[in-house]
Protein backbone atom coordinates (compact mmCIF):
# COMPACT_ATOMS: atom_id res chain seq x y z
CA UNK A 1 98.69 84.11 98.70
CA UNK A 2 101.38 85.90 100.74
CA UNK A 3 100.43 84.26 104.03
CA UNK A 4 103.33 85.73 105.97
CA UNK A 5 102.28 89.26 104.96
CA UNK A 6 98.68 88.51 105.94
CA UNK A 7 99.82 87.11 109.30
CA UNK A 8 102.05 90.14 109.99
CA UNK A 9 99.24 92.56 109.10
CA UNK A 10 96.79 90.65 111.29
CA UNK A 11 99.25 90.73 114.19
CA UNK A 12 99.88 94.48 113.75
CA UNK A 13 96.13 95.18 113.65
CA UNK A 14 95.58 93.15 116.84
CA UNK A 15 98.38 95.11 118.57
CA UNK A 16 96.93 98.40 117.39
CA UNK A 17 93.42 97.57 118.62
CA UNK A 18 94.81 96.38 121.96
CA UNK A 19 96.83 99.59 122.35
CA UNK A 20 93.83 101.76 121.48
CA UNK A 21 91.73 99.84 124.01
CA UNK A 22 94.43 100.18 126.70
CA UNK A 23 95.71 103.71 126.05
CA UNK A 24 92.97 105.52 124.14
CA UNK A 25 93.17 107.36 120.81
CA UNK A 26 96.39 107.66 118.82
CA UNK A 27 98.09 110.87 119.94
CA UNK A 28 100.95 110.96 117.42
CA UNK A 29 100.29 111.94 113.78
CA UNK A 30 98.73 109.07 111.86
CA UNK A 31 98.56 108.96 108.07
CA UNK A 32 96.12 106.58 106.42
CA UNK A 33 96.40 106.18 102.64
CA UNK A 34 93.94 103.92 100.86
CA UNK A 35 91.87 103.35 97.76
CA UNK A 36 88.13 103.54 98.23
CA UNK A 37 87.79 101.10 95.29
CA UNK A 38 89.58 98.20 96.96
CA UNK A 39 87.53 95.01 97.04
CA UNK A 40 89.98 93.13 99.27
CA UNK A 41 90.03 95.41 102.29
CA UNK A 42 87.05 97.32 103.72
CA UNK A 43 87.91 101.00 103.18
CA UNK A 44 84.93 102.30 105.15
CA UNK A 45 86.01 100.44 108.29
CA UNK A 46 89.56 101.83 108.06
CA UNK A 47 88.20 105.34 107.58
CA UNK A 48 85.87 104.95 110.55
CA UNK A 49 88.72 103.73 112.78
CA UNK A 50 90.95 106.62 111.65
CA UNK A 51 88.24 109.22 112.27
CA UNK A 52 87.56 107.84 115.75
CA UNK A 53 91.15 107.31 116.85
CA UNK A 54 93.44 109.73 114.97
CA UNK A 55 93.13 112.66 117.37
CA UNK A 56 96.38 114.46 116.52
CA UNK A 57 95.59 117.56 114.40
CA UNK A 58 98.50 116.65 112.11
CA UNK A 59 96.96 113.27 111.25
CA UNK A 60 95.98 112.94 107.62
CA UNK A 61 93.76 110.62 105.60
CA UNK A 62 94.50 110.36 101.87
CA UNK A 63 91.87 108.54 99.87
CA UNK A 64 92.06 107.61 96.21
CA UNK A 65 88.75 107.38 94.36
CA UNK A 66 87.65 106.53 90.83
CA UNK A 67 84.05 107.74 90.53
CA UNK A 68 82.95 108.35 94.12
CA UNK A 69 82.20 111.87 95.32
CA UNK A 70 83.11 113.12 98.81
CA UNK A 71 82.60 116.42 100.53
CA UNK A 72 85.62 118.34 101.76
CA UNK A 73 86.79 117.42 105.27
CA UNK A 74 89.52 118.66 107.59
CA UNK A 75 92.66 116.49 107.49
CA UNK A 76 91.29 114.49 104.52
CA UNK A 77 92.70 114.70 100.99
CA UNK A 78 90.78 113.08 98.14
CA UNK A 79 92.77 112.25 95.00
CA UNK A 80 91.83 110.63 91.73
CA UNK A 81 92.66 106.94 91.57
CA UNK A 82 91.80 106.64 87.89
CA UNK A 83 93.36 108.11 84.78
CA UNK A 84 92.38 107.68 81.16
CA UNK A 85 95.77 109.07 80.09
CA UNK A 86 97.59 106.38 82.10
CA UNK A 87 94.94 103.70 81.39
CA UNK A 88 94.20 103.24 85.11
CA UNK A 89 90.66 102.14 86.01
CA UNK A 90 91.09 102.24 89.78
CA UNK A 91 93.67 101.56 92.48
CA UNK A 92 93.86 98.75 95.03
CA UNK A 93 95.88 98.32 98.21
CA UNK A 94 98.66 96.86 96.07
CA UNK A 95 98.90 99.84 93.72
CA UNK A 96 99.11 102.74 96.12
CA UNK A 97 102.76 102.16 97.01
CA UNK A 98 103.90 101.22 93.49
CA UNK A 99 105.52 103.67 91.10
CA UNK A 100 104.59 103.63 87.42
CA UNK A 101 108.36 103.42 86.85
CA UNK A 102 108.78 100.28 88.97
CA UNK A 103 110.87 97.89 86.82
CA UNK A 104 108.78 94.87 87.82
CA UNK A 105 105.21 96.12 88.40
CA UNK A 106 105.32 99.48 86.57
CA UNK A 107 103.78 100.43 83.24
CA UNK A 108 106.82 99.08 81.35
CA UNK A 109 107.66 96.45 83.95
CA UNK A 110 108.51 92.83 83.36
CA UNK A 111 105.39 91.54 85.17
CA UNK A 112 101.79 91.81 84.03
CA UNK A 113 99.01 90.33 86.14
CA UNK A 114 96.35 89.35 83.63
CA UNK A 115 94.18 86.90 85.51
CA UNK A 116 94.43 87.09 89.31
CA UNK A 117 91.18 87.94 91.09
CA UNK A 118 89.27 87.80 87.82
CA UNK A 119 89.17 84.38 86.19
CA UNK A 120 89.55 84.66 82.41
CA UNK A 121 89.57 82.33 79.51
CA UNK A 122 93.12 81.40 78.35
CA UNK A 123 92.72 83.37 75.09
CA UNK A 124 91.78 86.54 77.07
CA UNK A 125 94.85 86.10 79.32
CA UNK A 126 97.06 85.74 76.24
CA UNK A 127 95.51 88.86 74.70
CA UNK A 128 96.21 90.80 77.91
CA UNK A 129 99.78 89.56 78.10
CA UNK A 130 100.53 90.51 74.49
CA UNK A 131 98.63 93.78 74.20
CA UNK A 132 100.29 97.21 74.02
CA UNK A 133 97.13 98.91 75.33
CA UNK A 134 96.54 97.38 78.77
CA UNK A 135 94.27 99.08 81.31
CA UNK A 136 95.34 98.77 84.93
CA UNK A 137 93.11 98.14 87.93
CA UNK A 138 91.29 95.50 89.89
CA UNK A 139 88.48 95.08 87.38
CA UNK A 140 88.38 93.94 83.81
CA UNK A 141 87.16 96.22 81.04
CA UNK A 142 85.75 93.23 79.13
């Protein structure tokens, strides 16, 4: 668990809430990018905060979805977060900022996470690690 990253995020969120309480809505452009499939964060709460506090007309919310349907909204862009062609089930907060060409985490990268957040039997982990046809996402396709 990257505790320093969690602590820094927590501190930034506290500062942001304090500033919103003291100074009102965010007046500069604010871009929120997130996956609506993420099981670690609470996407609906982030969206609610953005809609309440991002008052600049140039603010933008970009949401990645797998199967959810949303109506069109001003300042909101909805993009697919899944792709059969790329074998992507859904995106998480960790995937949004990663390129498929990333030499470590990318499609041909040196690292493959085959068991975090979804306990698997050792033989299933080995199968994932050795397979040429891996699907990417938070959930297993087992």
